[in-house]
Amino acid sequence: MADYSDYQGPNPEWIELLRTTILPPPGLRPGLETPEELRDLTNATREQTASLDLKKAGLLTKVQWADHEVPTRDASAITARVYKLKELSLSQPIPVYLFFHGGGYLMGSVSSDDAICSRIVAASPIPIMVVSINYRHTPEFKHPTQHNDAWDSFEWLSRSIDDLGGDRSSVVVGGISAGGGLAAFVVLYANRKEWKQDGKLQIKGQVLCIPWIAHPQSYPFHLLASKEKSSYVQNIDAPILPRRCHVLFADLLDAKDPGDIFLSPILAPDTAVKGLPKTVFLVAGQDPLRDEALLYAEKLKVNGTPTTVHVFPGLPHGFRRFASLTSALRWDWCVNEGIQWCIGDSDQSSFKVEWPITDST
């Protein structure tokens, strides 16, 4: 039985940050009485931060983007934002990174991750495009709308990739938190025999960043050595994503079957995960979602999928927002390197514990 409790920390870099930084209280709080109000405030903050980061890093002179309408199965439409280098002559198709933002299925917008997506484009050693999907959010839209939107966007990409200038033999799918869950779903759903036999777009790899891949009501405690040492229990009061926020997001999603393997890929049987493409995991040690990511990584590896795992011990869910952390820069490197590994020819698996770099190390 698995025991990942040693990755809980403490992390000296995080302890040092807390000496000078007051963290905003997570979730609903006085003055934010509804999920919609929380979403509006969070989205505004994320969009402002993204705009500042774009300017600070000079990304506006390097990266351009355009919005595309993606039809959905319920006769509605969502937006795909496509990022490319400005000085790019498409003499040949380029790899594609299909990206789903995080936010507990409640938060996130078409602009909230502009800096994240632009950094990936600018940092890539080879030309690459990022296709970011603005799926619909709770509480207005319940499960399975988000997953339907994710799959509809993948089918749209399958139809549109040639017109976008993308390389259909070099597609990587990824996401953060809830977006990581959507990415895992798309890759798992595309692994069905029906899709593979249809000659449609195939996926070369996936990058799952702090992914939410287990519904709280179907949490796989039976796979762990101790419920008390599980990340779900250890991090009941964790920064950024304490359990009450996790449960709030799940309640708003209102899934009728928490054990559905496409909502909770960690529960997928071996037969469903056999044949999955190369997979990269970025995991935070002080995160309720830690153990489900590490359990899924082990499941994939046992079933023949090459995996690269980066564990950031003692750091909470979403720590990347604190750009002063050396681990935030390392996070970016791991994402970029992970995409390149998925695109490339290496099938070498690896597991790395990413302690912060200090003057003494």
Protein backbone atom coordinates (compact mmCIF):
# COMPACT_ATOMS: atom_id res chain seq x y z
CA MET A 1 0.00 0.00 0.00
CA ALA A 2 1.26 3.45 -0.88
CA ASP A 3 2.46 6.06 1.61
CA TYR A 4 3.43 9.48 0.24
CA SER A 5 3.20 11.36 3.55
CA ASP A 6 6.92 12.18 3.60
CA TYR A 7 6.32 14.68 0.80
CA GLN A 8 4.17 16.77 3.15
CA GLY A 9 7.23 18.81 4.09
CA PRO A 10 8.13 21.13 5.65
CA ASN A 11 9.67 23.13 2.83
CA PRO A 12 12.13 25.83 3.99
CA GLU A 13 11.32 28.08 1.06
CA TRP A 14 7.61 28.05 1.89
CA ILE A 15 8.28 28.70 5.58
CA GLU A 16 10.42 31.69 4.64
CA LEU A 17 7.70 33.03 2.33
CA LEU A 18 5.13 32.90 5.13
CA ARG A 19 7.32 35.16 7.27
CA THR A 20 6.76 38.05 4.88
CA THR A 21 3.55 37.16 3.05
CA ILE A 22 -0.05 37.18 4.25
CA LEU A 23 -2.00 34.62 2.26
CA PRO A 24 -5.54 35.57 1.22
CA PRO A 25 -8.14 33.37 2.91
CA PRO A 26 -9.28 30.64 0.51
CA GLY A 27 -12.86 30.09 -0.57
CA LEU A 28 -15.96 31.99 0.44
CA ARG A 29 -15.47 34.63 3.13
CA PRO A 30 -17.24 37.74 4.48
CA GLY A 31 -18.10 39.99 1.57
CA LEU A 32 -18.11 37.07 -0.85
CA GLU A 33 -21.42 35.39 -0.20
CA THR A 34 -21.82 33.42 -3.41
CA PRO A 35 -19.62 31.27 -5.64
CA GLU A 36 -20.29 33.71 -8.47
CA GLU A 37 -18.82 36.56 -6.43
CA LEU A 38 -15.77 34.46 -5.59
CA ARG A 39 -15.36 33.60 -9.25
CA ASP A 40 -15.65 37.21 -10.41
CA LEU A 41 -13.07 38.44 -7.90
CA THR A 42 -10.67 35.56 -8.58
CA ASN A 43 -10.95 35.91 -12.35
CA ALA A 44 -10.35 39.65 -12.16
CA THR A 45 -7.25 39.07 -10.03
CA ARG A 46 -5.93 36.33 -12.31
CA GLU A 47 -6.50 38.41 -15.42
CA GLN A 48 -4.75 41.42 -13.88
CA THR A 49 -1.81 39.27 -12.79
CA ALA A 50 -1.58 37.71 -16.25
CA SER A 51 -1.56 41.14 -17.88
CA LEU A 52 1.21 42.37 -15.58
CA ASP A 53 3.25 39.20 -16.12
CA LEU A 54 2.95 39.53 -19.90
CA LYS A 55 4.34 43.06 -19.76
CA LYS A 56 7.03 42.33 -17.19
CA ALA A 57 8.41 39.37 -19.16
CA GLY A 58 8.18 41.16 -22.52
CA LEU A 59 5.87 38.46 -23.84
CA LEU A 60 3.60 40.89 -25.68
CA THR A 61 6.39 41.52 -28.19
CA LYS A 62 7.00 37.80 -28.70
CA VAL A 63 3.63 36.04 -28.63
CA GLN A 64 0.36 36.65 -30.42
CA TRP A 65 -3.02 35.00 -30.03
CA ALA A 66 -6.34 34.68 -31.79
CA ASP A 67 -9.71 33.40 -30.61
CA HIS A 68 -11.69 30.69 -32.36
CA GLU A 69 -15.26 29.55 -31.80
CA VAL A 70 -15.69 25.92 -30.82
CA PRO A 71 -19.18 24.47 -31.32
CA THR A 72 -20.50 22.27 -28.52
CA ARG A 73 -22.91 19.35 -28.62
CA ASP A 74 -25.71 21.39 -26.99
CA ALA A 75 -25.75 23.92 -29.84
CA SER A 76 -23.75 26.46 -27.87
CA ALA A 77 -20.12 27.54 -28.33
CA ILE A 78 -16.97 28.09 -26.28
CA THR A 79 -13.71 29.87 -27.07
CA ALA A 80 -10.34 28.41 -27.97
CA ARG A 81 -7.47 30.89 -27.74
CA VAL A 82 -4.51 29.93 -29.94
CA TYR A 83 -1.05 31.28 -29.02
CA LYS A 84 1.90 31.39 -31.44
CA LEU A 85 5.17 33.25 -31.79
CA LYS A 86 4.78 36.58 -33.57
CA GLU A 87 7.79 36.08 -35.81
CA LEU A 88 6.77 32.69 -37.10
CA SER A 89 6.76 31.51 -40.68
CA LEU A 90 4.76 28.31 -40.86
CA SER A 91 6.70 26.49 -43.55
CA GLN A 92 5.70 23.24 -41.84
CA PRO A 93 3.19 22.20 -39.17
CA ILE A 94 4.22 22.74 -35.54
CA PRO A 95 3.46 20.77 -32.35
CA VAL A 96 0.29 21.61 -30.43
CA TYR A 97 -0.26 21.83 -26.67
CA LEU A 98 -3.99 21.61 -25.89
CA PHE A 99 -4.41 23.30 -22.49
CA PHE A 100 -7.18 23.41 -19.87
CA HIS A 101 -6.98 26.00 -17.09
CA GLY A 102 -7.50 25.34 -13.40
CA GLY A 103 -9.96 26.82 -10.94
CA GLY A 104 -12.05 24.04 -9.43
CA TYR A 105 -14.40 24.07 -12.46
CA LEU A 106 -15.66 27.38 -11.01
CA MET A 107 -12.94 29.86 -11.88
CA GLY A 108 -10.83 30.73 -14.90
CA SER A 109 -11.54 32.69 -18.07
CA VAL A 110 -10.38 33.05 -21.63
CA SER A 111 -7.74 35.57 -20.46
CA SER A 112 -6.80 34.25 -17.01
CA ASP A 113 -3.95 32.08 -18.29
CA ASP A 114 -2.56 34.34 -21.04
CA ALA A 115 0.81 34.56 -19.30
CA ILE A 116 1.03 30.81 -18.63
CA CYS A 117 0.31 29.95 -22.25
CA SER A 118 2.56 32.69 -23.62
CA ARG A 119 5.47 31.57 -21.46
CA ILE A 120 5.18 28.06 -22.88
CA VAL A 121 5.25 29.38 -26.45
CA ALA A 122 8.17 31.74 -25.78
CA ALA A 123 10.26 29.21 -23.85
CA SER A 124 9.96 26.34 -26.30
CA PRO A 125 13.20 25.51 -28.15
CA ILE A 126 11.10 24.67 -31.20
CA PRO A 127 8.03 26.51 -32.53
CA ILE A 128 4.88 25.36 -30.74
CA MET A 129 1.31 26.55 -30.48
CA VAL A 130 -0.82 26.46 -27.36
CA VAL A 131 -4.57 26.01 -27.72
CA SER A 132 -6.29 27.10 -24.50
CA ILE A 133 -9.92 26.08 -24.00
CA ASN A 134 -12.34 28.25 -22.05
CA TYR A 135 -14.78 25.52 -21.03
CA ARG A 136 -17.97 26.44 -19.18
CA HIS A 137 -17.99 26.74 -15.39
CA THR A 138 -20.06 26.00 -12.34
CA PRO A 139 -22.42 26.87 -10.77
CA GLU A 140 -24.38 27.67 -13.93
CA PHE A 141 -23.11 24.56 -15.70
CA LYS A 142 -22.97 21.23 -13.88
CA HIS A 143 -21.13 18.03 -14.69
CA PRO A 144 -20.73 16.70 -17.35
CA THR A 145 -20.74 20.05 -19.21
CA GLN A 146 -17.06 20.71 -18.50
CA HIS A 147 -16.02 17.25 -19.69
CA ASN A 148 -18.28 17.47 -22.73
CA ASP A 149 -16.72 20.83 -23.59
CA ALA A 150 -13.25 19.34 -23.22
CA TRP A 151 -14.00 16.47 -25.58
CA ASP A 152 -15.86 18.70 -28.04
CA SER A 153 -12.79 20.96 -28.13
CA PHE A 154 -10.55 17.98 -28.85
CA GLU A 155 -12.82 16.91 -31.70
CA TRP A 156 -12.76 20.50 -32.98
CA LEU A 157 -8.97 20.45 -32.87
CA SER A 158 -8.99 17.18 -34.78
CA ARG A 159 -10.98 18.87 -37.53
CA SER A 160 -9.15 22.22 -37.43
CA ILE A 161 -5.52 21.39 -36.71
CA ASP A 162 -4.41 21.54 -40.34
CA ASP A 163 -5.95 24.98 -40.84
CA LEU A 164 -4.29 26.20 -37.62
CA GLY A 165 -0.89 25.03 -38.83
CA GLY A 166 -0.57 22.30 -36.23
CA ASP A 167 1.20 18.98 -36.55
CA ARG A 168 -1.39 16.23 -36.06
CA SER A 169 1.38 13.75 -35.25
CA SER A 170 2.65 15.90 -32.35
CA VAL A 171 -0.23 16.79 -30.02
CA VAL A 172 0.19 17.03 -26.24
CA VAL A 173 -2.73 17.58 -23.85
CA GLY A 174 -2.31 19.22 -20.46
CA GLY A 175 -3.89 21.23 -17.71
CA ILE A 176 -3.72 22.49 -14.16
CA SER A 177 -5.83 21.23 -11.23
CA ALA A 178 -9.40 20.82 -12.55
CA GLY A 179 -7.92 21.42 -15.99
CA GLY A 180 -5.52 18.57 -15.30
CA GLY A 181 -8.56 16.40 -14.64
CA LEU A 182 -10.04 17.44 -17.97
CA ALA A 183 -6.76 16.69 -19.73
CA ALA A 184 -6.61 13.25 -18.10
CA PHE A 185 -10.19 12.62 -19.20
CA VAL A 186 -9.55 13.61 -22.82
CA VAL A 187 -6.50 11.36 -23.03
CA LEU A 188 -8.32 8.45 -21.37
CA TYR A 189 -11.38 8.88 -23.61
CA ALA A 190 -9.20 9.10 -26.71
CA ASN A 191 -7.63 5.79 -25.70
CA ARG A 192 -10.86 3.94 -26.47
CA LYS A 193 -10.73 1.48 -29.33
CA GLU A 194 -13.56 3.31 -31.10
CA TRP A 195 -11.52 6.52 -31.37
CA LYS A 196 -8.24 4.86 -32.24
CA GLN A 197 -9.85 2.82 -35.02
CA ASP A 198 -11.42 5.89 -36.58
CA GLY A 199 -8.16 7.38 -37.83
CA LYS A 200 -8.73 10.56 -35.84
CA LEU A 201 -6.23 12.80 -34.07
CA GLN A 202 -3.91 10.83 -31.77
CA ILE A 203 -2.24 12.17 -28.63
CA LYS A 204 1.51 11.93 -28.13
CA GLY A 205 1.62 12.82 -24.43
CA GLN A 206 -0.06 14.53 -21.50
CA VAL A 207 1.16 16.98 -18.84
CA LEU A 208 -0.90 16.77 -15.65
CA CYS A 209 -0.13 19.62 -13.23
CA ILE A 210 -1.50 19.16 -9.68
CA PRO A 211 -4.40 17.29 -11.32
CA TRP A 212 -7.80 16.76 -9.72
CA ILE A 213 -8.53 13.19 -10.78
CA ALA A 214 -10.47 11.78 -7.80
CA HIS A 215 -13.88 13.04 -6.69
CA PRO A 216 -13.97 13.47 -2.87
CA GLN A 217 -16.87 11.01 -2.66
CA SER A 218 -14.90 8.31 -4.45
CA TYR A 219 -11.48 8.94 -2.93
CA PRO A 220 -9.31 5.77 -3.14
CA PHE A 221 -8.30 5.45 0.51
CA HIS A 222 -8.07 1.68 -0.01
CA LEU A 223 -4.96 2.18 -2.16
CA LEU A 224 -3.09 3.95 0.64
CA ALA A 225 -1.31 2.55 3.67
CA SER A 226 -3.17 4.84 6.05
CA LYS A 227 -6.15 7.14 5.72
CA GLU A 228 -4.67 9.40 8.40
CA LYS A 229 -1.47 9.84 6.36
CA SER A 230 -3.30 10.45 3.09
CA SER A 231 -2.92 13.87 1.51
CA TYR A 232 -6.68 14.27 1.71
CA VAL A 233 -6.55 14.07 5.52
CA GLN A 234 -3.10 15.61 6.06
CA ASN A 235 -4.13 18.72 4.15
CA ILE A 236 -7.56 19.32 5.59
CA ASP A 237 -6.44 22.88 6.46
CA ALA A 238 -3.80 23.35 3.77
CA PRO A 239 -3.12 26.79 2.28
CA ILE A 240 -4.73 27.69 -1.06
CA LEU A 241 -6.85 24.51 -1.29
CA PRO A 242 -8.09 23.26 2.09
CA ARG A 243 -10.60 20.44 2.08
CA ARG A 244 -13.59 22.77 2.52
CA CYS A 245 -12.76 24.46 -0.79
CA HIS A 246 -12.21 21.14 -2.50
CA VAL A 247 -15.60 19.93 -1.26
CA LEU A 248 -17.25 23.21 -2.30
CA PHE A 249 -15.95 22.83 -5.85
CA ALA A 250 -17.13 19.21 -5.97
CA ASP A 251 -20.57 20.15 -4.63
CA LEU A 252 -20.94 22.86 -7.27
CA LEU A 253 -20.00 20.36 -9.95
CA ASP A 254 -22.94 18.21 -8.82
CA ALA A 255 -21.74 14.99 -10.44
CA LYS A 256 -24.33 12.22 -10.32
CA ASP A 257 -21.71 9.45 -10.37
CA PRO A 258 -18.54 10.40 -8.45
CA GLY A 259 -17.06 7.02 -9.35
CA ASP A 260 -17.24 7.59 -13.10
CA ILE A 261 -13.73 6.80 -14.34
CA PHE A 262 -13.76 9.79 -16.67
CA LEU A 263 -14.47 12.11 -13.73
CA SER A 264 -12.13 10.15 -11.43
CA PRO A 265 -9.49 8.62 -13.73
CA ILE A 266 -7.63 7.23 -10.71
CA LEU A 267 -10.40 4.59 -10.60
CA ALA A 268 -9.90 3.52 -14.22
CA PRO A 269 -9.20 -0.20 -14.59
CA ASP A 270 -5.91 -1.40 -16.05
CA THR A 271 -7.65 -2.23 -19.33
CA ALA A 272 -8.63 1.43 -19.75
CA VAL A 273 -5.15 2.87 -19.14
CA LYS A 274 -3.13 0.38 -21.16
CA GLY A 275 -1.77 2.16 -24.20
CA LEU A 276 -1.91 5.67 -22.75
CA PRO A 277 0.81 7.99 -24.10
CA LYS A 278 3.78 9.38 -22.19
CA THR A 279 2.67 11.30 -19.12
CA VAL A 280 4.24 14.06 -17.04
CA PHE A 281 3.08 14.79 -13.49
CA LEU A 282 3.77 17.92 -11.43
CA VAL A 283 2.76 17.28 -7.82
CA ALA A 284 2.72 19.54 -4.75
CA GLY A 285 3.50 17.84 -1.44
CA GLN A 286 1.22 19.96 0.78
CA ASP A 287 -1.78 19.46 -1.51
CA PRO A 288 -4.95 17.41 -0.95
CA LEU A 289 -4.54 16.23 -4.56
CA ARG A 290 -1.01 14.90 -4.02
CA ASP A 291 -1.77 11.23 -3.50
CA GLU A 292 -4.23 10.80 -6.37
CA ALA A 293 -1.62 12.14 -8.79
CA LEU A 294 1.10 9.84 -7.47
CA LEU A 295 -1.23 6.84 -7.43
CA TYR A 296 -2.23 7.54 -11.04
CA ALA A 297 1.41 7.90 -12.04
CA GLU A 298 2.14 4.49 -10.55
CA LYS A 299 -0.90 2.95 -12.24
CA LEU A 300 0.21 4.25 -15.63
CA LYS A 301 3.80 3.17 -15.16
CA VAL A 302 2.80 -0.36 -14.13
CA ASN A 303 0.68 -0.59 -17.26
CA GLY A 304 3.49 0.39 -19.59
CA THR A 305 3.16 4.16 -19.92
CA PRO A 306 6.47 6.06 -19.64
CA THR A 307 6.09 8.62 -16.85
CA THR A 308 8.02 11.64 -15.63
CA VAL A 309 7.11 12.74 -12.10
CA HIS A 310 8.17 15.96 -10.36
CA VAL A 311 7.24 16.25 -6.67
CA PHE A 312 7.60 19.62 -4.93
CA PRO A 313 7.65 18.61 -1.24
CA GLY A 314 6.03 20.84 1.35
CA LEU A 315 4.52 23.24 -1.19
CA PRO A 316 0.77 23.81 -1.45
CA HIS A 317 -1.62 23.53 -4.36
CA GLY A 318 -1.12 26.43 -6.75
CA PHE A 319 2.18 27.62 -5.27
CA ARG A 320 3.30 28.79 -8.73
CA ARG A 321 1.41 32.05 -8.19
CA PHE A 322 4.16 33.10 -5.77
CA ALA A 323 6.69 34.02 -8.43
CA SER A 324 9.44 34.87 -5.92
CA LEU A 325 9.84 31.19 -5.06
CA THR A 326 12.74 29.49 -6.82
CA SER A 327 10.37 26.53 -7.05
CA ALA A 328 8.06 28.64 -9.23
CA LEU A 329 10.81 28.97 -11.83
CA ARG A 330 11.54 25.28 -11.51
CA TRP A 331 7.83 24.58 -12.07
CA ASP A 332 7.93 26.46 -15.37
CA TRP A 333 11.02 24.52 -16.42
CA CYS A 334 9.36 21.21 -15.58
CA VAL A 335 6.27 22.08 -17.63
CA ASN A 336 8.30 23.18 -20.64
CA GLU A 337 10.69 20.25 -20.41
CA GLY A 338 7.74 17.90 -19.96
CA ILE A 339 6.08 19.08 -23.16
CA GLN A 340 9.35 18.61 -25.04
CA TRP A 341 9.76 15.12 -23.56
CA CYS A 342 6.27 14.19 -24.74
CA ILE A 343 7.02 15.49 -28.22
CA GLY A 344 10.43 13.82 -28.40
CA ASP A 345 11.57 10.25 -28.86
CA SER A 346 12.71 9.37 -25.32
CA ASP A 347 10.63 6.84 -23.39
CA GLN A 348 12.81 7.00 -20.27
CA SER A 349 10.74 7.28 -17.08
CA SER A 350 11.95 9.38 -14.15
CA PHE A 351 10.93 10.45 -10.64
CA LYS A 352 12.38 13.64 -9.18
CA VAL A 353 11.90 15.30 -5.80
CA GLU A 354 12.20 19.03 -6.46
CA TRP A 355 13.62 20.59 -3.29
CA PRO A 356 14.22 24.36 -3.66
CA ILE A 357 17.63 25.48 -4.82
CA THR A 358 19.44 27.51 -2.15
CA ASP A 359 22.91 29.01 -1.77
CA SER A 360 23.95 25.95 0.23
CA THR A 361 22.78 23.37 -2.31
